[in-house]
Amino acid sequence: MRIPTDGKTLLRGSLIVLSALFATTALTLPARPAFALSELKKEEVEVPQKPAEGEKAAPVEEEQENATPVELPQPDPLIRKRDSVTEPADEPAVTDDKPAEEEPQAPVEVLYDIEKAPEPVRRMRQLIVEAAASGDIERLRPLLGKGVTETQVSMVESQEGPVETLKGQSGDSDGIEVLAILLDVLATGYVHVGQGTPDEMYVWPYFTAKPLAGLTPPEKVELLRIVTAGDFADMQEFGSYNFYRVGIAPDGQWKFFVTGD
């Protein structure tokens, strides 16, 4: 089939126009870079969703700045102030606890019957009474012992012998006053202390083991035969008897004849 010359010319013109149109369109479209498959997936994840119609999306950074941080509630303090407690306070538990009180002191057994003391104690006491009643203080020397068995006659150590020490304590140079005190002390009641221990002893007067505040009127009279009223007042302030006392061990050893506490 033959195409007329005019037809060929028209076909060529149409092809030329279409070619020029395609070329123009390709030049005007922006070039889009090619992406790898991993970048396309990342880009799809990071694309934010579009807000609904009629709503304005707020910038992400502004929302993060204005967002209130989440805070955990703080625990209550271990010790609450009374003013901050609104609920009624628990009533204290009722207990049977009572303030600690000093245990009452056991009553002191005062002995007057010398026969209740062991025979060695009775014998030594009798020898001391006889020596003191003689008015000669030297008669006490053999009874006061020597070395480890020497009778203690002072609260402080001394280089003097026991007889010389007692003379120094007396208001006279012969020691007569001390002998008189020794007789008065041994004439009172006595107490048995330290039973079953190495310190077991028979002690005169019994005031050494009995509180002065608990003395009966007859006992106060007995005490004032040994000391003056002024001495008694000083003892009450001190809290105990602190005048001369005599101690004899169960085996008859004369342990002490001292004053003070």
Protein backbone atom coordinates (compact mmCIF):
# COMPACT_ATOMS: atom_id res chain seq x y z
CA MET A 1 0.00 0.00 0.00
CA ARG A 2 1.44 3.35 -0.91
CA ILE A 3 1.12 6.41 1.27
CA PRO A 4 0.73 9.68 -0.56
CA THR A 5 3.57 12.20 -0.22
CA ASP A 6 1.45 14.60 1.76
CA GLY A 7 0.62 11.85 4.28
CA LYS A 8 4.27 11.05 4.93
CA THR A 9 4.98 14.67 5.54
CA LEU A 10 2.17 14.89 8.13
CA LEU A 11 3.33 11.73 10.00
CA ARG A 12 6.87 12.99 10.28
CA GLY A 13 5.62 16.29 11.65
CA SER A 14 3.57 14.56 14.34
CA LEU A 15 6.53 12.47 15.51
CA ILE A 16 8.72 15.52 15.75
CA VAL A 17 6.12 17.37 17.87
CA LEU A 18 5.70 14.42 20.27
CA SER A 19 9.46 14.08 20.67
CA ALA A 20 9.81 17.73 21.52
CA LEU A 21 6.95 17.50 24.07
CA PHE A 22 8.54 14.54 25.87
CA ALA A 23 11.89 16.24 26.01
CA THR A 24 10.35 19.38 27.51
CA THR A 25 8.49 17.38 30.18
CA ALA A 26 11.66 15.53 31.21
CA LEU A 27 13.55 18.78 31.67
CA THR A 28 10.88 20.43 33.83
CA LEU A 29 10.37 17.52 36.31
CA PRO A 30 12.72 17.58 39.39
CA ALA A 31 15.23 14.81 39.58
CA ARG A 32 14.57 12.30 42.46
CA PRO A 33 17.54 10.49 43.87
CA ALA A 34 17.55 6.74 43.95
CA PHE A 35 17.38 5.04 47.37
CA ALA A 36 18.55 1.70 48.59
CA LEU A 37 15.97 -0.72 49.95
CA SER A 38 17.16 -0.28 53.58
CA GLU A 39 16.93 3.53 53.29
CA LEU A 40 13.42 3.30 51.93
CA LYS A 41 12.31 1.22 54.95
CA LYS A 42 13.94 3.67 57.39
CA GLU A 43 12.34 6.59 55.68
CA GLU A 44 8.95 4.95 55.86
CA VAL A 45 9.32 4.44 59.65
CA GLU A 46 10.39 8.00 60.35
CA VAL A 47 7.53 9.60 58.41
CA PRO A 48 5.14 11.07 61.01
CA GLN A 49 1.45 10.48 60.68
CA LYS A 50 -0.62 13.30 59.37
CA PRO A 51 -2.85 14.99 61.89
CA ALA A 52 -6.58 14.68 61.55
CA GLU A 53 -8.45 17.27 59.63
CA GLY A 54 -9.09 20.48 61.54
CA GLU A 55 -6.19 19.81 64.03
CA LYS A 56 -2.85 21.55 63.99
CA ALA A 57 0.16 19.43 64.67
CA ALA A 58 2.48 20.90 67.32
CA PRO A 59 6.21 20.82 66.73
CA VAL A 60 7.89 17.81 68.30
CA GLU A 61 10.61 19.80 70.08
CA GLU A 62 8.07 22.19 71.63
CA GLU A 63 5.98 19.29 72.92
CA GLN A 64 9.01 17.71 74.55
CA GLU A 65 9.97 20.97 76.30
CA ASN A 66 6.45 21.66 77.57
CA ALA A 67 5.76 18.08 78.64
CA THR A 68 5.58 17.65 82.43
CA PRO A 69 8.13 15.07 83.66
CA VAL A 70 6.69 12.03 85.34
CA GLU A 71 7.54 12.01 89.08
CA LEU A 72 7.17 9.11 91.48
CA PRO A 73 5.46 9.90 94.79
CA GLN A 74 7.93 10.36 97.65
CA PRO A 75 7.60 7.95 100.61
CA ASP A 76 6.31 9.29 103.90
CA PRO A 77 8.98 10.32 106.39
CA LEU A 78 9.81 7.83 109.10
CA ILE A 79 9.02 10.41 111.78
CA ARG A 80 5.85 12.38 111.28
CA LYS A 81 5.22 15.71 112.83
CA ARG A 82 2.28 15.83 115.12
CA ASP A 83 0.75 18.75 113.23
CA SER A 84 0.78 16.84 109.95
CA VAL A 85 -0.99 13.75 111.27
CA THR A 86 -4.67 13.92 110.50
CA GLU A 87 -5.61 10.42 111.52
CA PRO A 88 -6.15 9.68 115.21
CA ALA A 89 -3.02 8.59 117.02
CA ASP A 90 -2.88 5.08 118.36
CA GLU A 91 -3.34 4.83 122.07
CA PRO A 92 -0.22 3.63 123.90
CA ALA A 93 -0.25 -0.01 124.77
CA VAL A 94 -1.00 -0.69 128.39
CA THR A 95 1.88 -2.52 130.01
CA ASP A 96 2.68 -3.64 133.48
CA ASP A 97 6.13 -2.08 133.37
CA LYS A 98 6.90 0.12 136.34
CA PRO A 99 9.87 2.36 137.01
CA ALA A 100 12.79 0.43 138.35
CA GLU A 101 12.91 0.70 142.09
CA GLU A 102 15.73 -0.09 144.38
CA GLU A 103 15.38 -3.48 145.95
CA PRO A 104 14.60 -3.18 149.63
CA GLN A 105 17.61 -4.00 151.75
CA ALA A 106 17.37 -7.21 153.71
CA PRO A 107 16.85 -6.62 157.42
CA VAL A 108 20.02 -6.73 159.47
CA GLU A 109 20.13 -9.32 162.24
CA VAL A 110 21.60 -7.62 165.28
CA LEU A 111 23.12 -10.03 167.83
CA TYR A 112 23.70 -9.28 171.50
CA ASP A 113 24.27 -12.78 172.81
CA ILE A 114 28.00 -13.42 172.47
CA GLU A 115 27.39 -17.13 172.92
CA LYS A 116 26.05 -17.21 169.35
CA ALA A 117 29.54 -16.43 168.06
CA PRO A 118 32.18 -19.17 167.60
CA GLU A 119 34.40 -19.91 170.59
CA PRO A 120 37.56 -18.36 169.00
CA VAL A 121 35.64 -15.13 168.43
CA ARG A 122 34.33 -15.09 171.99
CA ARG A 123 37.80 -15.67 173.40
CA MET A 124 39.47 -12.90 171.36
CA ARG A 125 36.74 -10.43 172.28
CA GLN A 126 37.20 -11.24 175.95
CA LEU A 127 40.95 -10.73 175.78
CA ILE A 128 40.50 -7.36 174.07
CA VAL A 129 38.00 -6.21 176.71
CA GLU A 130 40.33 -7.19 179.54
CA ALA A 131 43.31 -5.41 177.96
CA ALA A 132 41.35 -2.23 177.25
CA ALA A 133 39.82 -2.18 180.74
CA SER A 134 43.30 -2.31 182.29
CA GLY A 135 44.17 1.12 180.95
CA ASP A 136 47.50 -0.17 179.63
CA ILE A 137 47.55 -0.03 175.86
CA GLU A 138 50.66 -2.23 175.74
CA ARG A 139 48.49 -5.16 176.72
CA LEU A 140 46.97 -4.95 173.26
CA ARG A 141 50.30 -5.55 171.52
CA PRO A 142 50.28 -9.39 171.63
CA LEU A 143 46.66 -9.40 170.45
CA LEU A 144 47.34 -7.16 167.43
CA GLY A 145 49.56 -9.74 165.74
CA LYS A 146 52.59 -9.34 163.48
CA GLY A 147 53.37 -9.57 159.79
CA VAL A 148 50.53 -10.94 157.62
CA THR A 149 48.36 -11.45 160.69
CA GLU A 150 48.82 -7.91 162.01
CA THR A 151 45.59 -6.12 162.87
CA GLN A 152 44.73 -3.17 160.66
CA VAL A 153 44.47 -0.04 162.82
CA SER A 154 44.53 2.65 160.12
CA MET A 155 43.04 3.25 156.68
CA VAL A 156 46.44 4.44 155.45
CA GLU A 157 49.76 2.63 155.49
CA SER A 158 52.17 3.55 158.24
CA GLN A 159 55.70 2.58 159.20
CA GLU A 160 54.75 2.65 162.87
CA GLY A 161 53.57 -0.35 164.82
CA PRO A 162 49.86 -0.78 165.62
CA VAL A 163 50.22 0.30 169.25
CA GLU A 164 52.09 3.48 168.28
CA THR A 165 49.48 4.25 165.63
CA LEU A 166 46.64 3.89 168.15
CA LYS A 167 48.43 6.19 170.57
CA GLY A 168 48.70 8.78 167.81
CA GLN A 169 44.95 8.61 167.24
CA SER A 170 44.13 9.12 170.90
CA GLY A 171 43.42 12.51 172.41
CA ASP A 172 45.98 11.75 175.12
CA SER A 173 49.55 10.55 174.90
CA ASP A 174 48.89 7.22 176.66
CA GLY A 175 46.09 6.05 174.38
CA ILE A 176 43.48 5.97 177.15
CA GLU A 177 40.80 7.55 174.97
CA VAL A 178 41.23 4.87 172.31
CA LEU A 179 40.92 2.14 174.94
CA ALA A 180 37.67 3.69 176.19
CA ILE A 181 36.29 3.80 172.64
CA LEU A 182 37.30 0.17 172.14
CA LEU A 183 35.34 -0.87 175.23
CA ASP A 184 32.25 1.10 174.17
CA VAL A 185 32.29 -0.43 170.69
CA LEU A 186 32.55 -4.00 172.00
CA ALA A 187 29.68 -3.33 174.43
CA THR A 188 27.18 -2.85 171.57
CA GLY A 189 25.42 -5.45 169.48
CA TYR A 190 27.27 -7.07 166.58
CA VAL A 191 26.52 -8.51 163.13
CA HIS A 192 27.71 -11.60 161.28
CA VAL A 193 28.66 -10.66 157.72
CA GLY A 194 30.11 -12.44 154.67
CA GLN A 195 28.90 -15.88 155.62
CA GLY A 196 30.52 -18.57 153.48
CA THR A 197 33.12 -16.20 151.95
CA PRO A 198 36.77 -15.44 152.73
CA ASP A 199 35.56 -12.14 154.22
CA GLU A 200 33.31 -13.78 156.81
CA MET A 201 33.54 -11.80 160.01
CA TYR A 202 31.89 -10.69 163.23
CA VAL A 203 31.72 -6.90 163.37
CA TRP A 204 31.05 -4.41 166.19
CA PRO A 205 29.06 -2.15 166.31
CA TYR A 206 26.12 -3.27 164.20
CA PHE A 207 25.67 0.31 162.91
CA THR A 208 28.25 -0.52 160.23
CA ALA A 209 25.67 -2.73 158.49
CA LYS A 210 22.45 -0.90 159.28
CA PRO A 211 21.16 2.28 157.58
CA LEU A 212 21.16 5.20 160.00
CA ALA A 213 17.80 6.41 158.72
CA GLY A 214 16.19 3.20 160.02
CA LEU A 215 17.49 3.39 163.57
CA THR A 216 14.92 3.18 166.32
CA PRO A 217 15.07 5.61 169.28
CA PRO A 218 16.72 2.98 171.56
CA GLU A 219 19.31 2.30 168.82
CA LYS A 220 20.04 6.01 168.51
CA VAL A 221 20.68 6.15 172.25
CA GLU A 222 23.08 3.23 171.88
CA LEU A 223 24.85 5.01 169.03
CA LEU A 224 25.20 8.26 171.01
CA ARG A 225 27.06 6.33 173.71
CA ILE A 226 29.85 6.00 171.14
CA VAL A 227 29.67 9.31 169.20
CA THR A 228 28.43 12.83 169.83
CA ALA A 229 25.27 14.35 168.40
CA GLY A 230 27.43 16.37 166.01
CA ASP A 231 29.15 13.18 164.82
CA PHE A 232 25.76 11.58 164.28
CA ALA A 233 24.61 14.52 162.15
CA ASP A 234 27.78 14.27 160.06
CA MET A 235 27.19 10.53 159.58
CA GLN A 236 23.65 11.16 158.40
CA GLU A 237 24.99 13.60 155.82
CA PHE A 238 27.72 11.15 154.84
CA GLY A 239 25.18 8.34 154.53
CA SER A 240 26.60 5.69 156.84
CA TYR A 241 28.40 4.99 160.10
CA ASN A 242 32.07 5.98 159.81
CA PHE A 243 33.48 5.80 163.34
CA TYR A 244 35.54 3.02 164.97
CA ARG A 245 34.62 -0.62 164.31
CA VAL A 246 36.11 -3.98 165.31
CA GLY A 247 36.29 -7.10 163.13
CA ILE A 248 37.14 -10.62 164.29
CA ALA A 249 37.37 -13.59 161.90
CA PRO A 250 35.67 -16.93 162.75
CA ASP A 251 39.09 -18.41 163.63
CA GLY A 252 39.62 -15.71 166.27
CA GLN A 253 42.04 -13.49 164.36
CA TRP A 254 41.60 -9.79 165.16
CA LYS A 255 41.27 -8.34 161.65
CA PHE A 256 40.81 -4.62 162.18
CA PHE A 257 40.14 -1.75 164.57
CA VAL A 258 39.76 1.29 162.34
CA THR A 259 37.84 4.50 161.95
CA GLY A 260 36.59 6.04 158.73
CA ASP A 261 34.97 4.47 155.68
